[in-house]
């Protein structure tokens, strides 16, 4: 499931609102260990352009 979510996030990364929506859905459906893995991956991949979105989404997650 985690790999599928990564694919979705990459495909919607052109749109901030869509990216945030999909990220929130992903966080809600994953188990805590997967959320931690996703968090690391997201900051590596999208940290420069979506840092604010990532901070907001992951602040409530873990």
N, C-alpha and C. Protein backbone atom coordinates (compact mmCIF):
# COMPACT_ATOMS: atom_id res chain seq x y z
N UNK A 1 0.82 -1.19 0.00
CA UNK A 1 0.00 0.00 0.00
C UNK A 1 0.87 1.26 0.00
N UNK A 2 1.95 1.20 0.72
CA UNK A 2 2.85 2.36 0.83
C UNK A 2 3.41 2.75 -0.54
N UNK A 3 3.81 1.77 -1.32
CA UNK A 3 4.36 2.07 -2.64
C UNK A 3 3.30 2.68 -3.56
N UNK A 4 2.09 2.20 -3.43
CA UNK A 4 0.98 2.76 -4.21
C UNK A 4 0.75 4.23 -3.84
N UNK A 5 0.78 4.53 -2.56
CA UNK A 5 0.60 5.90 -2.08
C UNK A 5 1.71 6.81 -2.59
N UNK A 6 2.93 6.31 -2.58
CA UNK A 6 4.05 7.09 -3.11
C UNK A 6 3.82 7.43 -4.58
N UNK A 7 3.33 6.47 -5.34
CA UNK A 7 3.04 6.69 -6.76
C UNK A 7 1.98 7.76 -6.93
N UNK A 8 0.92 7.68 -6.15
CA UNK A 8 -0.16 8.66 -6.22
C UNK A 8 0.37 10.05 -5.89
N UNK A 9 1.14 10.17 -4.83
CA UNK A 9 1.66 11.48 -4.43
C UNK A 9 2.57 12.07 -5.50
N UNK A 10 3.35 11.25 -6.15
CA UNK A 10 4.19 11.75 -7.23
C UNK A 10 3.35 12.26 -8.39
N UNK A 11 2.26 11.57 -8.69
CA UNK A 11 1.42 11.95 -9.81
C UNK A 11 0.62 13.23 -9.55
N UNK A 12 0.29 13.50 -8.30
CA UNK A 12 -0.51 14.70 -7.98
C UNK A 12 0.35 15.85 -7.44
N UNK A 13 1.64 15.69 -7.47
CA UNK A 13 2.52 16.70 -6.86
C UNK A 13 2.53 18.03 -7.61
N UNK A 14 1.91 18.08 -8.78
CA UNK A 14 1.84 19.34 -9.53
C UNK A 14 0.85 20.33 -8.91
N UNK A 15 -0.07 19.82 -8.07
CA UNK A 15 -1.13 20.65 -7.50
C UNK A 15 -1.08 20.56 -5.97
N UNK A 16 -0.85 21.68 -5.30
CA UNK A 16 -0.69 21.68 -3.85
C UNK A 16 -1.91 21.15 -3.11
N UNK A 17 -3.09 21.60 -3.50
CA UNK A 17 -4.32 21.16 -2.80
C UNK A 17 -4.57 19.67 -2.98
N UNK A 18 -4.38 19.20 -4.17
CA UNK A 18 -4.57 17.77 -4.44
C UNK A 18 -3.53 16.93 -3.70
N UNK A 19 -2.30 17.42 -3.69
CA UNK A 19 -1.23 16.73 -2.97
C UNK A 19 -1.57 16.63 -1.48
N UNK A 20 -2.02 17.74 -0.91
CA UNK A 20 -2.37 17.74 0.52
C UNK A 20 -3.54 16.79 0.80
N UNK A 21 -4.54 16.80 -0.05
CA UNK A 21 -5.70 15.92 0.12
C UNK A 21 -5.28 14.45 0.11
N UNK A 22 -4.46 14.08 -0.87
CA UNK A 22 -4.02 12.69 -0.97
C UNK A 22 -3.10 12.30 0.18
N UNK A 23 -2.27 13.24 0.62
CA UNK A 23 -1.38 12.96 1.74
C UNK A 23 -2.18 12.72 3.02
N UNK A 24 -3.19 13.53 3.26
CA UNK A 24 -4.04 13.34 4.44
C UNK A 24 -4.76 11.99 4.40
N UNK A 25 -5.26 11.62 3.23
CA UNK A 25 -5.91 10.31 3.09
C UNK A 25 -4.92 9.19 3.37
N UNK A 26 -3.71 9.33 2.87
CA UNK A 26 -2.69 8.30 3.05
C UNK A 26 -2.34 8.13 4.52
N UNK A 27 -2.16 9.24 5.21
CA UNK A 27 -1.80 9.20 6.63
C UNK A 27 -2.90 8.51 7.43
N UNK A 28 -4.15 8.77 7.08
CA UNK A 28 -5.28 8.18 7.79
C UNK A 28 -5.38 6.67 7.58
N UNK A 29 -4.93 6.18 6.41
CA UNK A 29 -5.12 4.76 6.12
C UNK A 29 -3.92 3.88 6.50
N UNK A 30 -2.77 4.47 6.74
CA UNK A 30 -1.57 3.69 7.04
C UNK A 30 -1.40 3.43 8.54
N UNK A 31 -0.67 2.39 8.85
CA UNK A 31 -0.31 2.12 10.24
C UNK A 31 0.86 3.03 10.63
N UNK A 32 1.06 3.27 11.93
CA UNK A 32 2.09 4.23 12.38
C UNK A 32 3.49 4.02 11.80
N UNK A 33 3.94 2.79 11.68
CA UNK A 33 5.28 2.55 11.11
C UNK A 33 5.37 2.99 9.66
N UNK A 34 4.30 2.75 8.91
CA UNK A 34 4.27 3.17 7.52
C UNK A 34 4.21 4.69 7.40
N UNK A 35 3.50 5.33 8.33
CA UNK A 35 3.43 6.80 8.32
C UNK A 35 4.82 7.39 8.54
N UNK A 36 5.59 6.80 9.43
CA UNK A 36 6.95 7.29 9.67
C UNK A 36 7.81 7.14 8.43
N UNK A 37 7.68 6.02 7.75
CA UNK A 37 8.42 5.79 6.51
C UNK A 37 7.98 6.78 5.44
N UNK A 38 6.68 7.00 5.33
CA UNK A 38 6.15 7.95 4.35
C UNK A 38 6.64 9.36 4.66
N UNK A 39 6.69 9.71 5.92
CA UNK A 39 7.14 11.04 6.33
C UNK A 39 8.58 11.29 5.86
N UNK A 40 9.45 10.36 6.11
CA UNK A 40 10.85 10.49 5.68
C UNK A 40 10.93 10.64 4.17
N UNK A 41 10.21 9.78 3.46
CA UNK A 41 10.22 9.83 2.00
C UNK A 41 9.69 11.16 1.48
N UNK A 42 8.59 11.63 2.06
CA UNK A 42 7.97 12.88 1.60
C UNK A 42 8.91 14.07 1.80
N UNK A 43 9.57 14.12 2.94
CA UNK A 43 10.48 15.25 3.18
C UNK A 43 11.68 15.19 2.24
N UNK A 44 12.14 14.00 1.92
CA UNK A 44 13.25 13.88 0.96
C UNK A 44 12.80 14.29 -0.44
N UNK A 45 11.61 13.86 -0.83
CA UNK A 45 11.13 14.05 -2.20
C UNK A 45 10.49 15.43 -2.43
N UNK A 46 9.72 15.90 -1.45
CA UNK A 46 8.92 17.11 -1.65
C UNK A 46 9.20 18.21 -0.63
N UNK A 47 10.20 18.02 0.20
CA UNK A 47 10.49 18.98 1.26
C UNK A 47 10.75 20.40 0.80
N UNK A 48 11.34 20.54 -0.36
CA UNK A 48 11.67 21.89 -0.85
C UNK A 48 10.45 22.65 -1.32
N UNK A 49 9.48 21.96 -1.91
CA UNK A 49 8.33 22.68 -2.46
C UNK A 49 7.09 22.65 -1.56
N UNK A 50 6.95 21.62 -0.74
CA UNK A 50 5.74 21.46 0.08
C UNK A 50 6.03 21.34 1.56
N UNK A 51 7.08 21.97 2.04
CA UNK A 51 7.46 21.85 3.45
C UNK A 51 6.30 22.25 4.38
N UNK A 52 5.61 23.33 4.07
CA UNK A 52 4.51 23.79 4.92
C UNK A 52 3.40 22.75 4.98
N UNK A 53 3.04 22.21 3.82
CA UNK A 53 2.00 21.18 3.75
C UNK A 53 2.43 19.95 4.55
N UNK A 54 3.66 19.53 4.37
CA UNK A 54 4.17 18.35 5.08
C UNK A 54 4.15 18.60 6.59
N UNK A 55 4.59 19.76 7.01
CA UNK A 55 4.59 20.08 8.44
C UNK A 55 3.18 20.00 9.01
N UNK A 56 2.22 20.56 8.29
CA UNK A 56 0.83 20.55 8.76
C UNK A 56 0.27 19.13 8.83
N UNK A 57 0.47 18.37 7.79
CA UNK A 57 -0.09 17.02 7.73
C UNK A 57 0.53 16.07 8.74
N UNK A 58 1.85 16.14 8.87
CA UNK A 58 2.52 15.18 9.76
C UNK A 58 2.54 15.64 11.20
N UNK A 59 2.23 16.89 11.50
CA UNK A 59 2.25 17.35 12.89
C UNK A 59 1.18 16.63 13.72
N UNK A 60 0.07 16.28 13.10
CA UNK A 60 -1.01 15.59 13.80
C UNK A 60 -0.92 14.07 13.67
N UNK A 61 -0.05 13.60 12.82
CA UNK A 61 -0.04 12.17 12.47
C UNK A 61 0.69 11.30 13.47
N UNK A 62 1.89 11.68 13.85
CA UNK A 62 2.71 10.77 14.64
C UNK A 62 2.98 11.32 16.01
